[in-house]
């Protein structure tokens, strides 16, 4: 089974007082071990989960309010284990702790050296999204405009992913005071699209196709294993919450204090 990791929901300049609000599900094989948020680098003030297989992270933030998150690009073949670690890309971006510095570093990478990925990074003053896909001469970088957006295993707000439209529909008319419970509910949503998108290259069993297109993924061997919500303020992180299991079942814990001690 080949699958892709994570869906990121982001609000830019939508919530008064919080320029950037993000919520994400991590979708992974159940037998791949990881930790919840921990201090990854005390000197640099970096906090994030740690993948115990490859040693990198899929998402994290710094005490200065710099955020980095990665989603895999959808493929229909198994990841090539000989390629460079995508989790290490997230760690390096967090260490750079600056949007312009990350832009410059990403442009030095060869996309073909990695299994394909999308990288979201920035702070309360702005976010960028970068795409590293096979055959590209250089990593492609775009600014994220204000508004409600969804980063699936494809381009930002890709119409090819029904979960993009589903998340936008669940959050489009929510008042700021109700945003947090609404985002939790969106992350826990298991509704599969009907009809399913046409995917001629998808060789997965039919029973897997619908669940993989839901915001919260549930299959026997793979699914949503954790969730994270982060709110950025100028110069720091206002909130960092983490669910040590699927949203809707596992409670969100406040991990903001880790950044204060990092």
Protein backbone atom coordinates (compact mmCIF):
# COMPACT_ATOMS: atom_id res chain seq x y z
CA UNK A 1 0.00 0.00 0.00
CA UNK A 2 1.30 3.42 -0.96
CA UNK A 3 -0.12 6.39 0.88
CA UNK A 4 0.59 10.06 1.46
CA UNK A 5 0.99 11.89 4.72
CA UNK A 6 -0.91 14.79 6.25
CA UNK A 7 -3.45 17.45 5.46
CA UNK A 8 -2.81 21.05 6.57
CA UNK A 9 -5.61 23.57 7.05
CA UNK A 10 -4.44 27.16 7.35
CA UNK A 11 -6.00 30.54 7.95
CA UNK A 12 -3.95 33.59 7.00
CA UNK A 13 -5.08 37.03 8.21
CA UNK A 14 -8.53 35.66 9.08
CA UNK A 15 -8.56 35.52 12.90
CA UNK A 16 -8.20 38.87 14.69
CA UNK A 17 -4.99 38.95 16.71
CA UNK A 18 -3.69 35.68 15.27
CA UNK A 19 -2.30 36.26 11.76
CA UNK A 20 -1.68 32.55 11.11
CA UNK A 21 -3.69 29.60 12.43
CA UNK A 22 -2.91 26.05 11.30
CA UNK A 23 -4.39 22.65 12.00
CA UNK A 24 -3.12 19.37 10.58
CA UNK A 25 -3.67 15.63 10.63
CA UNK A 26 -0.71 13.30 10.36
CA UNK A 27 -1.57 10.23 8.31
CA UNK A 28 0.91 7.38 8.58
CA UNK A 29 1.29 3.63 8.83
CA UNK A 30 0.33 2.54 12.33
CA UNK A 31 3.55 0.58 12.82
CA UNK A 32 5.83 3.58 12.16
CA UNK A 33 6.84 4.95 15.57
CA UNK A 34 7.06 8.62 16.46
CA UNK A 35 6.91 10.94 19.46
CA UNK A 36 4.66 13.83 20.24
CA UNK A 37 6.05 17.38 20.43
CA UNK A 38 9.40 17.51 22.15
CA UNK A 39 12.32 19.93 22.29
CA UNK A 40 14.31 18.98 19.20
CA UNK A 41 17.00 21.64 19.69
CA UNK A 42 17.14 23.55 23.00
CA UNK A 43 19.75 26.03 21.75
CA UNK A 44 17.67 27.04 18.75
CA UNK A 45 14.31 26.72 20.54
CA UNK A 46 12.85 24.14 18.15
CA UNK A 47 9.85 22.02 19.14
CA UNK A 48 8.21 19.30 17.06
CA UNK A 49 7.40 15.63 16.82
CA UNK A 50 10.16 13.18 16.01
CA UNK A 51 9.92 10.34 13.53
CA UNK A 52 11.70 7.45 15.25
CA UNK A 53 12.34 5.62 11.99
CA UNK A 54 14.22 8.28 9.99
CA UNK A 55 14.94 10.74 12.82
CA UNK A 56 13.41 13.85 11.25
CA UNK A 57 10.08 15.57 11.82
CA UNK A 58 6.97 16.30 9.80
CA UNK A 59 6.10 19.55 11.58
CA UNK A 60 7.50 21.96 14.14
CA UNK A 61 7.89 25.51 15.34
CA UNK A 62 10.51 27.71 16.96
CA UNK A 63 10.24 29.91 20.03
CA UNK A 64 10.54 32.89 17.65
CA UNK A 65 7.29 31.90 15.94
CA UNK A 66 8.63 30.22 12.80
CA UNK A 67 6.56 27.25 11.58
CA UNK A 68 7.43 24.45 9.14
CA UNK A 69 5.16 21.60 8.02
CA UNK A 70 5.47 19.00 5.28
CA UNK A 71 3.00 16.94 3.29
CA UNK A 72 4.06 14.18 0.93
CA UNK A 73 3.15 14.59 -2.71
CA UNK A 74 0.72 11.92 -3.88
CA UNK A 75 2.32 9.06 -5.79
CA UNK A 76 1.11 5.62 -6.78
CA UNK A 77 4.43 3.91 -6.17
CA UNK A 78 6.33 3.14 -2.97
CA UNK A 79 8.74 5.77 -1.69
CA UNK A 80 12.36 5.26 -2.73
CA UNK A 81 14.33 4.60 0.50
CA UNK A 82 17.62 5.59 -1.18
CA UNK A 83 16.55 9.22 -1.52
CA UNK A 84 17.31 11.95 1.01
CA UNK A 85 15.07 12.34 4.07
CA UNK A 86 12.11 14.68 3.78
CA UNK A 87 12.00 14.93 7.56
CA UNK A 88 15.50 16.37 7.49
CA UNK A 89 14.21 19.10 5.17
CA UNK A 90 11.77 20.20 7.88
CA UNK A 91 14.52 20.20 10.53
CA UNK A 92 16.88 22.28 8.40
CA UNK A 93 14.14 24.79 7.61
CA UNK A 94 13.39 25.14 11.33
CA UNK A 95 17.07 25.67 12.05
CA UNK A 96 17.22 28.46 9.46
CA UNK A 97 14.27 30.09 11.27
CA UNK A 98 13.72 32.67 8.52
CA UNK A 99 11.52 32.65 5.42
CA UNK A 100 14.06 34.25 3.07
CA UNK A 101 16.82 31.95 4.31
CA UNK A 102 14.64 28.89 3.69
CA UNK A 103 13.75 30.21 0.20
CA UNK A 104 17.43 30.46 -0.69
CA UNK A 105 18.34 27.06 0.75
CA UNK A 106 15.45 25.27 -0.99
CA UNK A 107 16.60 26.64 -4.34
CA UNK A 108 19.93 24.83 -3.86
CA UNK A 109 18.20 21.43 -3.62
CA UNK A 110 17.61 18.99 -6.47
CA UNK A 111 13.98 17.80 -6.29
CA UNK A 112 14.96 14.44 -7.78
CA UNK A 113 17.12 13.77 -4.70
CA UNK A 114 13.93 13.44 -2.61
CA UNK A 115 10.68 11.59 -2.70
CA UNK A 116 8.20 14.33 -3.71
CA UNK A 117 6.98 16.75 -1.04
CA UNK A 118 5.25 20.05 -0.32
CA UNK A 119 6.69 22.34 2.38
CA UNK A 120 4.78 25.08 4.19
CA UNK A 121 6.85 27.55 6.21
CA UNK A 122 6.83 31.05 7.63
CA UNK A 123 5.68 33.17 10.52
CA UNK A 124 2.99 35.66 11.49
CA UNK A 125 4.23 38.00 8.77
CA UNK A 126 3.71 35.54 5.93
CA UNK A 127 3.84 31.95 4.69
CA UNK A 128 5.41 30.32 1.65
CA UNK A 129 4.66 26.94 0.12
CA UNK A 130 7.33 25.03 -1.79
CA UNK A 131 6.89 22.09 -4.14
CA UNK A 132 9.57 19.48 -4.89
CA UNK A 133 8.32 17.10 -7.57
CA UNK A 134 10.16 14.63 -9.82
CA UNK A 135 11.56 16.17 -12.97
CA UNK A 136 11.61 19.73 -11.69
CA UNK A 137 14.85 21.61 -12.28
CA UNK A 138 14.39 23.54 -9.02
CA UNK A 139 12.08 23.65 -6.02
CA UNK A 140 9.13 25.91 -6.84
CA UNK A 141 8.14 28.48 -4.19
CA UNK A 142 4.95 30.56 -3.90
CA UNK A 143 3.61 33.04 -1.35
CA UNK A 144 0.40 32.01 0.44
CA UNK A 145 -2.28 34.71 0.06
CA UNK A 146 -4.67 35.71 2.86
CA UNK A 147 -7.67 33.48 3.43
CA UNK A 148 -8.66 29.89 4.21
CA UNK A 149 -6.47 27.31 2.48
CA UNK A 150 -5.88 23.56 2.51
CA UNK A 151 -2.59 21.85 1.65
CA UNK A 152 -3.22 18.19 0.77
CA UNK A 153 -0.83 15.79 -0.94
CA UNK A 154 -0.83 18.07 -3.95
CA UNK A 155 -0.76 21.81 -4.66
CA UNK A 156 -2.29 24.26 -2.20
CA UNK A 157 -6.09 24.17 -2.58
CA UNK A 158 -5.88 21.48 -5.27
CA UNK A 159 -9.32 20.82 -6.81
CA UNK A 160 -8.21 17.21 -7.44
CA UNK A 161 -8.52 16.43 -3.71
CA UNK A 162 -12.12 16.32 -2.38
CA UNK A 163 -10.86 16.85 1.19
CA UNK A 164 -9.87 20.39 0.19
CA UNK A 165 -13.45 21.32 -0.67
CA UNK A 166 -14.73 19.43 2.39
CA UNK A 167 -12.49 21.34 4.81
CA UNK A 168 -13.33 24.67 3.20
CA UNK A 169 -17.06 23.91 3.45
CA UNK A 170 -16.79 22.94 7.13
CA UNK A 171 -14.92 26.15 8.06
CA UNK A 172 -16.12 28.76 5.57
CA UNK A 173 -18.76 30.47 7.71
CA UNK A 174 -17.40 29.85 11.20
CA UNK A 175 -17.18 32.85 13.53
CA UNK A 176 -13.72 33.48 15.04
CA UNK A 177 -14.99 32.60 18.53
CA UNK A 178 -16.05 29.14 17.29
CA UNK A 179 -13.01 28.50 15.15
CA UNK A 180 -11.12 26.14 17.45
CA UNK A 181 -13.94 23.61 17.99
CA UNK A 182 -14.80 23.84 14.29
CA UNK A 183 -11.22 23.05 13.28
CA UNK A 184 -11.15 20.10 15.69
CA UNK A 185 -14.37 18.83 14.14
CA UNK A 186 -12.94 19.24 10.63
CA UNK A 187 -9.85 17.22 11.52
CA UNK A 188 -12.11 14.47 12.91
CA UNK A 189 -14.37 14.37 9.84
CA UNK A 190 -14.54 10.91 8.23
CA UNK A 191 -16.90 11.67 5.36
CA UNK A 192 -15.64 10.21 2.09
CA UNK A 193 -16.57 11.90 -1.19
CA UNK A 194 -19.31 10.49 -3.37
CA UNK A 195 -18.49 9.92 -6.14
CA UNK A 196 -14.80 9.27 -5.68
CA UNK A 197 -12.40 11.08 -8.01
CA UNK A 198 -11.27 9.23 -11.11
CA UNK A 199 -7.77 7.84 -10.42
CA UNK A 200 -6.76 5.42 -13.17
CA UNK A 201 -3.31 4.83 -11.64
CA UNK A 202 -4.63 4.05 -8.16
CA UNK A 203 -4.15 0.31 -7.65
CA UNK A 204 -5.32 0.22 -4.02
CA UNK A 205 -8.24 -2.03 -3.06
CA UNK A 206 -11.60 -0.32 -3.47
CA UNK A 207 -12.19 -0.44 0.30
CA UNK A 208 -9.22 1.89 0.86
CA UNK A 209 -9.97 4.54 -1.74
CA UNK A 210 -12.85 6.29 0.01
CA UNK A 211 -11.28 6.48 3.48
CA UNK A 212 -8.04 7.93 2.06
CA UNK A 213 -9.99 10.88 0.67
CA UNK A 214 -11.55 11.75 4.05
CA UNK A 215 -9.96 14.39 6.30
CA UNK A 216 -9.50 11.78 9.03
CA UNK A 217 -8.22 8.59 7.44
CA UNK A 218 -9.19 5.19 8.84
CA UNK A 219 -7.95 1.92 7.29
CA UNK A 220 -6.73 -1.30 8.92
CA UNK A 221 -3.01 -0.51 8.52
CA UNK A 222 -2.79 3.22 7.86
CA UNK A 223 -4.60 6.32 8.99
CA UNK A 224 -4.63 9.51 11.01
CA UNK A 225 -2.28 8.87 13.92
CA UNK A 226 -2.11 12.36 15.47
CA UNK A 227 -3.12 15.98 14.96
CA UNK A 228 -1.56 19.37 15.63
CA UNK A 229 -2.93 22.90 15.89
CA UNK A 230 -0.68 25.97 15.95
CA UNK A 231 -1.45 29.68 16.15
CA UNK A 232 1.29 32.17 15.38
CA UNK A 233 1.59 35.70 16.72
CA UNK A 234 4.27 38.25 15.81
CA UNK A 235 7.51 37.07 17.39
CA UNK A 236 6.21 33.83 18.82
CA UNK A 237 3.68 31.01 19.07
CA UNK A 238 0.36 31.77 20.76
CA UNK A 239 -0.84 28.15 20.88
CA UNK A 240 0.67 24.73 20.13
CA UNK A 241 -1.73 21.83 20.70
CA UNK A 242 -1.27 18.15 19.96
CA UNK A 243 -3.55 15.10 19.93
CA UNK A 244 -1.66 11.83 20.58
CA UNK A 245 -4.09 9.89 18.43
CA UNK A 246 -6.84 10.52 15.95
CA UNK A 247 -8.82 13.75 16.50
CA UNK A 248 -12.29 12.98 17.75
CA UNK A 249 -10.86 10.24 19.96
CA UNK A 250 -7.67 11.65 21.50
CA UNK A 251 -7.85 14.99 23.38
CA UNK A 252 -5.69 17.93 22.36
CA UNK A 253 -2.97 18.74 24.88
CA UNK A 254 -1.46 22.20 25.30
CA UNK A 255 2.25 21.95 24.43
CA UNK A 256 2.92 25.69 24.19
CA UNK A 257 5.03 25.57 27.33
CA UNK A 258 7.67 23.51 25.52
CA UNK A 259 8.48 26.57 23.40
CA UNK A 260 8.76 28.73 26.46
CA UNK A 261 11.39 26.42 27.97
CA UNK A 262 13.23 25.55 24.74
